[in-house]
C-alpha atoms as a PDB file:
ATOM      1  CA  MET A   1      19.028  56.811 -28.242  1.00  0.00           C
ATOM      2  CA  ALA A   2      18.649  53.459 -29.992  1.00  0.00           C
ATOM      3  CA  ILE A   3      21.487  52.311 -32.192  1.00  0.00           C
ATOM      4  CA  ASP A   4      20.612  50.633 -35.472  1.00  0.00           C
ATOM      5  CA  THR A   5      22.598  47.393 -35.523  1.00  0.00           C
ATOM      6  CA  THR A   6      21.087  46.082 -38.734  1.00  0.00           C
ATOM      7  CA  ILE A   7      23.674  44.743 -41.147  1.00  0.00           C
ATOM      8  CA  TYR A   8      23.004  45.584 -44.764  1.00  0.00           C
ATOM      9  CA  PHE A   9      24.327  43.392 -47.528  1.00  0.00           C
ATOM     10  CA  PRO A  10      24.421  44.625 -51.107  1.00  0.00           C
ATOM     11  CA  ALA A  11      21.853  42.906 -53.292  1.00  0.00           C
ATOM     12  CA  PRO A  12      23.377  40.555 -55.867  1.00  0.00           C
ATOM     13  CA  SER A  13      23.521  42.262 -59.242  1.00  0.00           C
ATOM     14  CA  ARG A  14      22.363  40.863 -62.541  1.00  0.00           C
ATOM     15  CA  ALA A  15      25.923  41.190 -63.844  1.00  0.00           C
ATOM     16  CA  SER A  16      27.152  38.951 -61.023  1.00  0.00           C
ATOM     17  CA  ALA A  17      24.606  36.304 -62.028  1.00  0.00           C
ATOM     18  CA  TYR A  18      25.742  36.526 -65.661  1.00  0.00           C
ATOM     19  CA  PHE A  19      29.387  36.197 -64.591  1.00  0.00           C
ATOM     20  CA  ASP A  20      28.550  33.140 -62.476  1.00  0.00           C
ATOM     21  CA  GLY A  21      26.724  31.560 -65.394  1.00  0.00           C
ATOM     22  CA  LEU A  22      29.609  32.268 -67.758  1.00  0.00           C
ATOM     23  CA  GLN A  23      32.064  30.884 -65.199  1.00  0.00           C
ATOM     24  CA  MET A  24      30.047  27.677 -65.065  1.00  0.00           C
ATOM     25  CA  LEU A  25      29.906  27.391 -68.862  1.00  0.00           C
ATOM     26  CA  THR A  26      33.629  28.028 -69.369  1.00  0.00           C
ATOM     27  CA  GLY A  27      34.423  25.626 -66.524  1.00  0.00           C
ATOM     28  CA  ALA A  28      32.236  22.893 -68.043  1.00  0.00           C
ATOM     29  CA  ALA A  29      33.867  23.441 -71.451  1.00  0.00           C
ATOM     30  CA  LEU A  30      37.339  23.131 -69.932  1.00  0.00           C
ATOM     31  CA  ILE A  31      36.363  19.981 -68.017  1.00  0.00           C
ATOM     32  CA  ILE A  32      35.194  18.339 -71.253  1.00  0.00           C
ATOM     33  CA  PHE A  33      38.345  19.505 -73.028  1.00  0.00           C
ATOM     34  CA  MET A  34      40.708  18.222 -70.314  1.00  0.00           C
ATOM     35  CA  TRP A  35      39.110  14.786 -70.177  1.00  0.00           C
ATOM     36  CA  SER A  36      39.102  14.571 -73.970  1.00  0.00           C
ATOM     37  CA  HIS A  37      42.702  15.796 -74.080  1.00  0.00           C
ATOM     38  CA  MET A  38      43.788  13.131 -71.595  1.00  0.00           C
ATOM     39  CA  VAL A  39      42.136  10.374 -73.621  1.00  0.00           C
ATOM     40  CA  LEU A  40      43.704  11.621 -76.870  1.00  0.00           C
ATOM     41  CA  VAL A  41      47.206  11.898 -75.389  1.00  0.00           C
ATOM     42  CA  ALA A  42      46.787   8.467 -73.782  1.00  0.00           C
ATOM     43  CA  SER A  43      46.316   7.049 -77.290  1.00  0.00           C
ATOM     44  CA  VAL A  44      50.117   6.743 -77.335  1.00  0.00           C
ATOM     45  CA  ASN A  45      49.639   3.674 -75.124  1.00  0.00           C
ATOM     46  CA  PHE A  46      48.237   1.950 -78.218  1.00  0.00           C
ATOM     47  CA  GLY A  47      51.322   2.933 -80.189  1.00  0.00           C
ATOM     48  CA  ALA A  48      53.074   6.075 -81.414  1.00  0.00           C
ATOM     49  CA  GLY A  49      51.341   5.711 -84.769  1.00  0.00           C
ATOM     50  CA  THR A  50      47.905   5.965 -83.147  1.00  0.00           C
ATOM     51  CA  MET A  51      48.757   9.247 -81.431  1.00  0.00           C
ATOM     52  CA  ASN A  52      50.415  10.639 -84.558  1.00  0.00           C
ATOM     53  CA  THR A  53      47.372   9.796 -86.683  1.00  0.00           C
ATOM     54  CA  LEU A  54      45.021  11.582 -84.265  1.00  0.00           C
ATOM     55  CA  ALA A  55      47.350  14.580 -84.008  1.00  0.00           C
ATOM     56  CA  ARG A  56      47.648  14.781 -87.804  1.00  0.00           C
ATOM     57  CA  PHE A  57      43.836  14.755 -88.114  1.00  0.00           C
ATOM     58  CA  PHE A  58      43.500  17.714 -85.711  1.00  0.00           C
ATOM     59  CA  GLU A  59      46.196  19.652 -87.549  1.00  0.00           C
ATOM     60  CA  GLU A  60      44.941  18.930 -91.074  1.00  0.00           C
ATOM     61  CA  THR A  61      41.470  20.135 -90.043  1.00  0.00           C
ATOM     62  CA  TYR A  62      43.084  23.172 -88.316  1.00  0.00           C
ATOM     63  CA  MET A  63      41.476  22.180 -85.030  1.00  0.00           C
ATOM     64  CA  ALA A  64      44.877  22.363 -83.327  1.00  0.00           C
ATOM     65  CA  GLN A  65      45.906  25.707 -84.859  1.00  0.00           C
ATOM     66  CA  VAL A  66      42.535  27.361 -84.165  1.00  0.00           C
ATOM     67  CA  GLY A  67      41.223  25.302 -81.259  1.00  0.00           C
ATOM     68  CA  GLY A  68      44.428  25.673 -79.230  1.00  0.00           C
ATOM     69  CA  PRO A  69      44.310  29.493 -79.015  1.00  0.00           C
ATOM     70  CA  VAL A  70      40.535  29.355 -78.442  1.00  0.00           C
ATOM     71  CA  ILE A  71      41.000  26.999 -75.496  1.00  0.00           C
ATOM     72  CA  GLY A  72      43.748  29.300 -74.220  1.00  0.00           C
ATOM     73  CA  CYS A  73      41.352  32.257 -74.295  1.00  0.00           C
ATOM     74  CA  VAL A  74      38.610  30.249 -72.564  1.00  0.00           C
ATOM     75  CA  PHE A  75      41.184  29.178 -69.965  1.00  0.00           C
ATOM     76  CA  LEU A  76      42.149  32.791 -69.206  1.00  0.00           C
ATOM     77  CA  LEU A  77      38.517  33.963 -69.210  1.00  0.00           C
ATOM     78  CA  HIS A  78      37.562  31.235 -66.759  1.00  0.00           C
ATOM     79  CA  PHE A  79      40.393  32.207 -64.433  1.00  0.00           C
ATOM     80  CA  PHE A  80      39.401  35.887 -64.637  1.00  0.00           C
ATOM     81  CA  LEU A  81      35.800  35.028 -63.729  1.00  0.00           C
ATOM     82  CA  ALA A  82      36.814  32.686 -60.894  1.00  0.00           C
ATOM     83  CA  ALA A  83      39.373  35.196 -59.552  1.00  0.00           C
ATOM     84  CA  ARG A  84      36.493  37.406 -58.403  1.00  0.00           C
ATOM     85  CA  LYS A  85      36.055  35.031 -55.470  1.00  0.00           C
ATOM     86  CA  ILE A  86      39.638  33.948 -54.798  1.00  0.00           C
ATOM     87  CA  PRO A  87      41.269  35.561 -51.727  1.00  0.00           C
ATOM     88  CA  PHE A  88      44.520  37.116 -52.952  1.00  0.00           C
ATOM     89  CA  ARG A  89      45.372  39.319 -49.960  1.00  0.00           C
ATOM     90  CA  LEU A  90      47.126  37.797 -46.953  1.00  0.00           C
ATOM     91  CA  ASP A  91      44.372  38.827 -44.527  1.00  0.00           C
ATOM     92  CA  GLN A  92      41.742  37.224 -46.771  1.00  0.00           C
ATOM     93  CA  GLN A  93      43.768  34.022 -47.027  1.00  0.00           C
ATOM     94  CA  THR A  94      44.206  33.919 -43.244  1.00  0.00           C
ATOM     95  CA  THR A  95      40.468  34.370 -42.738  1.00  0.00           C
ATOM     96  CA  ILE A  96      39.429  31.641 -45.153  1.00  0.00           C
ATOM     97  CA  TRP A  97      41.999  29.275 -43.632  1.00  0.00           C
ATOM     98  CA  LYS A  98      40.656  29.912 -40.108  1.00  0.00           C
ATOM     99  CA  HIS A  99      37.074  29.491 -41.232  1.00  0.00           C
ATOM    100  CA  SER A 100      37.868  26.260 -43.084  1.00  0.00           C
ATOM    101  CA  ARG A 101      39.477  24.766 -39.998  1.00  0.00           C
ATOM    102  CA  LEU A 102      36.610  25.961 -37.810  1.00  0.00           C
ATOM    103  CA  LEU A 103      33.790  24.676 -40.008  1.00  0.00           C
ATOM    104  CA  HIS A 104      35.219  21.185 -40.669  1.00  0.00           C
ATOM    105  CA  HIS A 105      33.108  21.178 -43.829  1.00  0.00           C
ATOM    106  CA  THR A 106      34.310  18.976 -46.689  1.00  0.00           C
ATOM    107  CA  ASP A 107      32.896  21.173 -49.444  1.00  0.00           C
ATOM    108  CA  THR A 108      34.677  24.220 -47.972  1.00  0.00           C
ATOM    109  CA  TRP A 109      37.992  22.384 -48.100  1.00  0.00           C
ATOM    110  CA  LEU A 110      37.252  21.335 -51.680  1.00  0.00           C
ATOM    111  CA  TRP A 111      36.860  25.012 -52.586  1.00  0.00           C
ATOM    112  CA  VAL A 112      40.198  25.815 -50.885  1.00  0.00           C
ATOM    113  CA  ILE A 113      41.929  23.014 -52.825  1.00  0.00           C
ATOM    114  CA  GLN A 114      40.360  24.219 -56.056  1.00  0.00           C
ATOM    115  CA  ALA A 115      41.543  27.788 -55.442  1.00  0.00           C
ATOM    116  CA  LEU A 116      45.110  26.620 -54.674  1.00  0.00           C
ATOM    117  CA  THR A 117      45.299  24.327 -57.707  1.00  0.00           C
ATOM    118  CA  ALA A 118      43.915  27.137 -59.896  1.00  0.00           C
ATOM    119  CA  MET A 119      46.942  29.326 -59.113  1.00  0.00           C
ATOM    120  CA  ILE A 120      49.345  26.505 -59.980  1.00  0.00           C
ATOM    121  CA  ILE A 121      47.478  25.568 -63.166  1.00  0.00           C
ATOM    122  CA  LEU A 122      47.392  29.191 -64.344  1.00  0.00           C
ATOM    123  CA  ILE A 123      51.196  29.274 -64.445  1.00  0.00           C
ATOM    124  CA  MET A 124      52.031  25.698 -65.427  1.00  0.00           C
ATOM    125  CA  GLY A 125      49.100  25.305 -67.824  1.00  0.00           C
ATOM    126  CA  SER A 126      50.094  28.469 -69.669  1.00  0.00           C
ATOM    127  CA  ILE A 127      53.665  27.193 -70.013  1.00  0.00           C
ATOM    128  CA  HIS A 128      52.434  23.844 -71.318  1.00  0.00           C
ATOM    129  CA  MET A 129      50.080  25.385 -73.899  1.00  0.00           C
ATOM    130  CA  TRP A 130      52.703  27.855 -75.130  1.00  0.00           C
ATOM    131  CA  THR A 131      55.334  25.102 -75.463  1.00  0.00           C
ATOM    132  CA  VAL A 132      53.032  22.773 -77.414  1.00  0.00           C
ATOM    133  CA  LEU A 133      51.366  25.361 -79.671  1.00  0.00           C
ATOM    134  CA  THR A 134      54.661  26.991 -80.664  1.00  0.00           C
ATOM    135  CA  ASP A 135      56.162  23.640 -81.640  1.00  0.00           C
ATOM    136  CA  LEU A 136      53.589  22.182 -84.018  1.00  0.00           C
ATOM    137  CA  PRO A 137      53.056  19.605 -85.395  1.00  0.00           C
ATOM    138  CA  ILE A 138      52.411  17.454 -82.338  1.00  0.00           C
ATOM    139  CA  THR A 139      54.057  14.038 -82.534  1.00  0.00           C
ATOM    140  CA  ALA A 140      54.624  11.194 -80.101  1.00  0.00           C
ATOM    141  CA  ALA A 141      58.393  11.546 -80.594  1.00  0.00           C
ATOM    142  CA  LYS A 142      58.368  15.246 -79.629  1.00  0.00           C
ATOM    143  CA  SER A 143      56.281  14.571 -76.543  1.00  0.00           C
ATOM    144  CA  ALA A 144      58.529  11.680 -75.529  1.00  0.00           C
ATOM    145  CA  ALA A 145      61.696  13.755 -76.043  1.00  0.00           C
ATOM    146  CA  ARG A 146      60.276  16.541 -73.914  1.00  0.00           C
ATOM    147  CA  ILE A 147      59.395  14.238 -71.013  1.00  0.00           C
ATOM    148  CA  GLN A 148      62.681  12.348 -71.277  1.00  0.00           C
ATOM    149  CA  GLY A 149      64.497  15.668 -70.973  1.00  0.00           C
ATOM    150  CA  GLY A 150      64.289  15.600 -67.164  1.00  0.00           C
ATOM    151  CA  PHE A 151      62.761  18.960 -66.211  1.00  0.00           C
ATOM    152  CA  TRP A 152      59.495  18.252 -68.026  1.00  0.00           C
ATOM    153  CA  LEU A 153      59.046  14.931 -66.238  1.00  0.00           C
ATOM    154  CA  ILE A 154      58.889  16.708 -62.855  1.00  0.00           C
ATOM    155  CA  PHE A 155      56.771  19.439 -64.435  1.00  0.00           C
ATOM    156  CA  TYR A 156      54.092  17.010 -65.638  1.00  0.00           C
ATOM    157  CA  LEU A 157      54.189  14.921 -62.466  1.00  0.00           C
ATOM    158  CA  ILE A 158      53.142  18.103 -60.639  1.00  0.00           C
ATOM    159  CA  LEU A 159      50.726  19.425 -63.264  1.00  0.00           C
ATOM    160  CA  LEU A 160      48.857  16.123 -63.749  1.00  0.00           C
ATOM    161  CA  PRO A 161      47.377  15.752 -60.228  1.00  0.00           C
ATOM    162  CA  MET A 162      46.768  19.512 -59.970  1.00  0.00           C
ATOM    163  CA  VAL A 163      44.670  19.506 -63.156  1.00  0.00           C
ATOM    164  CA  GLU A 164      42.731  16.348 -62.327  1.00  0.00           C
ATOM    165  CA  LEU A 165      41.988  17.522 -58.767  1.00  0.00           C
ATOM    166  CA  HIS A 166      40.818  20.906 -60.042  1.00  0.00           C
ATOM    167  CA  VAL A 167      38.709  19.407 -62.818  1.00  0.00           C
ATOM    168  CA  GLY A 168      37.178  16.703 -60.621  1.00  0.00           C
ATOM    169  CA  ILE A 169      36.273  19.136 -57.843  1.00  0.00           C
ATOM    170  CA  GLY A 170      34.962  21.607 -60.419  1.00  0.00           C
ATOM    171  CA  PHE A 171      32.732  18.910 -61.897  1.00  0.00           C
ATOM    172  CA  TYR A 172      31.295  18.186 -58.458  1.00  0.00           C
ATOM    173  CA  ARG A 173      30.875  21.837 -57.435  1.00  0.00           C
ATOM    174  CA  ILE A 174      29.091  22.756 -60.672  1.00  0.00           C
ATOM    175  CA  GLY A 175      26.588  20.001 -59.956  1.00  0.00           C
ATOM    176  CA  VAL A 176      26.041  21.191 -56.385  1.00  0.00           C
ATOM    177  CA  LYS A 177      25.857  24.906 -57.156  1.00  0.00           C
ATOM    178  CA  TRP A 178      23.444  24.582 -60.050  1.00  0.00           C
ATOM    179  CA  GLY A 179      21.186  22.004 -58.437  1.00  0.00           C
ATOM    180  CA  PHE A 180      22.118  18.921 -60.448  1.00  0.00           C
ATOM    181  CA  ILE A 181      23.373  17.215 -57.277  1.00  0.00           C
ATOM    182  CA  ARG A 182      20.946  17.111 -54.375  1.00  0.00           C
ATOM    183  CA  ARG A 183      21.814  16.905 -50.685  1.00  0.00           C
ATOM    184  CA  ASN A 184      20.802  13.244 -50.513  1.00  0.00           C
ATOM    185  CA  THR A 185      23.048  12.296 -53.460  1.00  0.00           C
ATOM    186  CA  ARG A 186      26.180  14.242 -52.486  1.00  0.00           C
ATOM    187  CA  LYS A 187      28.002  11.358 -50.792  1.00  0.00           C
ATOM    188  CA  GLY A 188      27.510   9.032 -53.724  1.00  0.00           C
ATOM    189  CA  PHE A 189      28.576  11.689 -56.221  1.00  0.00           C
ATOM    190  CA  LYS A 190      31.671  12.498 -54.153  1.00  0.00           C
ATOM    191  CA  ARG A 191      32.704   8.860 -54.297  1.00  0.00           C
ATOM    192  CA  PHE A 192      32.099   8.846 -58.043  1.00  0.00           C
ATOM    193  CA  GLU A 193      34.166  12.039 -58.449  1.00  0.00           C
ATOM    194  CA  ASN A 194      37.025  10.542 -56.378  1.00  0.00           C
ATOM    195  CA  VAL A 195      37.047   7.395 -58.490  1.00  0.00           C
ATOM    196  CA  LEU A 196      36.918   9.420 -61.718  1.00  0.00           C
ATOM    197  CA  THR A 197      39.777  11.696 -60.610  1.00  0.00           C
ATOM    198  CA  SER A 198      41.894   8.707 -59.538  1.00  0.00           C
ATOM    199  CA  LEU A 199      41.199   7.006 -62.871  1.00  0.00           C
ATOM    200  CA  PHE A 200      42.382   9.996 -64.906  1.00  0.00           C
ATOM    201  CA  VAL A 201      45.485  10.418 -62.713  1.00  0.00           C
ATOM    202  CA  LEU A 202      46.275   6.733 -63.267  1.00  0.00           C
ATOM    203  CA  ILE A 203      45.795   7.092 -67.035  1.00  0.00           C
ATOM    204  CA  GLY A 204      48.093  10.127 -66.975  1.00  0.00           C
ATOM    205  CA  LEU A 205      50.804   8.306 -65.024  1.00  0.00           C
ATOM    206  CA  VAL A 206      50.660   5.297 -67.348  1.00  0.00           C
ATOM    207  CA  THR A 207      50.948   7.667 -70.327  1.00  0.00           C
ATOM    208  CA  ILE A 208      53.969   9.433 -68.806  1.00  0.00           C
ATOM    209  CA  VAL A 209      55.678   6.056 -68.265  1.00  0.00           C
ATOM    210  CA  ARG A 210      54.909   5.176 -71.883  1.00  0.00           C
ATOM    211  CA  PHE A 211      56.537   8.394 -73.091  1.00  0.00           C
ATOM    212  CA  LEU A 212      59.579   7.636 -70.917  1.00  0.00           C
ATOM    213  CA  THR A 213      60.049   4.276 -72.617  1.00  0.00           C
ATOM    214  CA  LEU A 214      59.201   5.416 -76.149  1.00  0.00           C
ATOM    215  CA  PRO A 215      62.176   5.386 -78.560  1.00  0.00           C
ATOM    216  CA  ILE A 216      62.994   8.867 -79.909  1.00  0.00           C
END
């Protein structure tokens, strides 16, 4: 008697496609926000008054009071959508680790790094948003005092590269997954993404040093 060895895979559902599209949109929105956020915070390098003026504008227009919680909701929604594909169980994590080592595929390792940084950002990013949004208005002096407190310096030195790695890889993977980056342009785009990530990490480090030296 013949044995049917055919392997059947469930057909992708329309809901799954919608979730993937929404994940891409929320991810793109968060990438734009994080890069904009970094540039705005880095305005302190041009003087405390510059940062305070920008912060006052966002608060007087209620963009901080309303936009902050909205970004928080988008942040949680994006994590929920991405968590569908993150291996949480130990056996799943062991399998993906073995496969990553076996394949020696750069894009696979990028996905692993993105999944690991996502778990760290979920915790540390939530703490950061709660701390800032419950202590409005935002001022250069408050930010400097927080970083000069000791604990927060280590906190942001960890959070900064985690966020920029996650955002940079996400930017690249969105382009690959949705066809904006072709096979023949991947290497060049990877180099561009590495330079962009390094640039934002450098800007972040310079900004942290500025906060450390800012009189409070």
